[in-house]
């Protein structure tokens, strides 16, 4: 229950500080993750370490989605997936992309 002071504080704080900041941060993280994954895949491709014919746009989205899901589960349900398990999943996925 908010008291008089809490209600006054909430009405004085710009709504964008409360509501938009997490959305903006989530968008930045999503973009940053995809940029990082794309960079990694491009480096692997340049070294000849990826199977020929892979579509980097599709593989970027696949790996980014995998990382996002693992991170979400590791934070929200750590009893379901450990750090070492996350690494094994990502290594297995990258191994499947290898030349």
Protein backbone atom coordinates (compact mmCIF):
# COMPACT_ATOMS: atom_id res chain seq x y z
CA UNK A 1 0.00 0.00 0.00
CA UNK A 2 1.38 3.38 -0.97
CA UNK A 3 1.02 6.11 1.54
CA UNK A 4 0.60 9.80 0.85
CA UNK A 5 4.37 10.27 0.34
CA UNK A 6 4.65 7.35 -2.07
CA UNK A 7 1.74 8.57 -4.18
CA UNK A 8 3.23 12.07 -4.32
CA UNK A 9 6.66 10.72 -5.27
CA UNK A 10 5.23 8.60 -8.08
CA UNK A 11 3.29 11.54 -9.47
CA UNK A 12 6.42 13.73 -9.42
CA UNK A 13 8.79 11.26 -11.12
CA UNK A 14 8.56 11.39 -14.91
CA UNK A 15 6.80 8.26 -16.14
CA UNK A 16 9.55 7.63 -18.69
CA UNK A 17 12.09 7.15 -15.91
CA UNK A 18 9.99 4.41 -14.39
CA UNK A 19 8.57 2.65 -17.45
CA UNK A 20 10.83 3.29 -20.42
CA UNK A 21 14.25 2.73 -18.87
CA UNK A 22 13.90 -1.09 -18.61
CA UNK A 23 12.50 -1.24 -22.15
CA UNK A 24 15.37 0.84 -23.51
CA UNK A 25 17.91 -1.30 -21.65
CA UNK A 26 16.31 -4.50 -22.95
CA UNK A 27 16.44 -3.15 -26.51
CA UNK A 28 20.11 -2.19 -26.10
CA UNK A 29 20.96 -5.64 -24.76
CA UNK A 30 19.09 -7.37 -27.59
CA UNK A 31 20.85 -5.29 -30.24
CA UNK A 32 24.22 -5.67 -28.52
CA UNK A 33 23.86 -9.43 -28.25
CA UNK A 34 23.03 -9.75 -31.93
CA UNK A 35 25.91 -7.48 -32.95
CA UNK A 36 28.35 -9.50 -30.83
CA UNK A 37 27.07 -12.84 -32.14
CA UNK A 38 27.22 -11.58 -35.73
CA UNK A 39 30.81 -10.42 -35.18
CA UNK A 40 31.82 -13.81 -33.76
CA UNK A 41 30.20 -15.68 -36.64
CA UNK A 42 31.81 -13.37 -39.22
CA UNK A 43 35.24 -13.98 -37.66
CA UNK A 44 34.67 -17.74 -37.68
CA UNK A 45 33.56 -17.58 -41.31
CA UNK A 46 36.60 -15.48 -42.29
CA UNK A 47 38.88 -18.10 -40.71
CA UNK A 48 37.08 -20.87 -42.61
CA UNK A 49 35.74 -22.41 -39.42
CA UNK A 50 32.05 -22.39 -40.44
CA UNK A 51 30.34 -24.82 -42.79
CA UNK A 52 30.02 -23.35 -46.27
CA UNK A 53 26.58 -22.11 -47.23
CA UNK A 54 25.40 -21.01 -43.80
CA UNK A 55 23.27 -17.87 -43.81
CA UNK A 56 24.84 -15.60 -41.22
CA UNK A 57 21.62 -13.62 -40.72
CA UNK A 58 19.74 -16.79 -39.80
CA UNK A 59 22.59 -18.20 -37.71
CA UNK A 60 22.94 -14.87 -35.89
CA UNK A 61 19.30 -14.99 -34.90
CA UNK A 62 19.47 -18.66 -33.92
CA UNK A 63 22.52 -18.22 -31.70
CA UNK A 64 21.27 -14.94 -30.24
CA UNK A 65 17.95 -16.55 -29.36
CA UNK A 66 19.74 -19.50 -27.80
CA UNK A 67 21.92 -17.21 -25.69
CA UNK A 68 18.90 -15.09 -24.68
CA UNK A 69 16.95 -18.14 -23.59
CA UNK A 70 19.84 -19.64 -21.66
CA UNK A 71 20.53 -16.34 -19.92
CA UNK A 72 16.87 -15.90 -19.00
CA UNK A 73 16.67 -19.39 -17.53
CA UNK A 74 20.01 -19.06 -15.74
CA UNK A 75 18.81 -15.88 -14.03
CA UNK A 76 15.19 -16.76 -13.35
CA UNK A 77 15.51 -20.52 -12.79
CA UNK A 78 19.13 -21.29 -11.92
CA UNK A 79 18.12 -24.70 -10.61
CA UNK A 80 17.20 -25.63 -14.19
CA UNK A 81 20.41 -24.62 -15.93
CA UNK A 82 23.88 -23.96 -14.55
CA UNK A 83 26.67 -21.86 -16.00
CA UNK A 84 28.63 -24.92 -17.14
CA UNK A 85 25.48 -26.32 -18.78
CA UNK A 86 24.98 -23.04 -20.66
CA UNK A 87 28.55 -23.20 -21.94
CA UNK A 88 28.09 -26.78 -23.07
CA UNK A 89 24.92 -25.89 -24.98
CA UNK A 90 26.60 -22.95 -26.75
CA UNK A 91 29.73 -25.00 -27.55
CA UNK A 92 27.58 -27.80 -28.95
CA UNK A 93 25.65 -25.34 -31.10
CA UNK A 94 28.85 -23.77 -32.42
CA UNK A 95 30.28 -27.25 -33.05
CA UNK A 96 27.28 -28.01 -35.23
CA UNK A 97 28.11 -24.93 -37.32
CA UNK A 98 31.76 -25.92 -37.75
CA UNK A 99 33.28 -26.77 -41.10
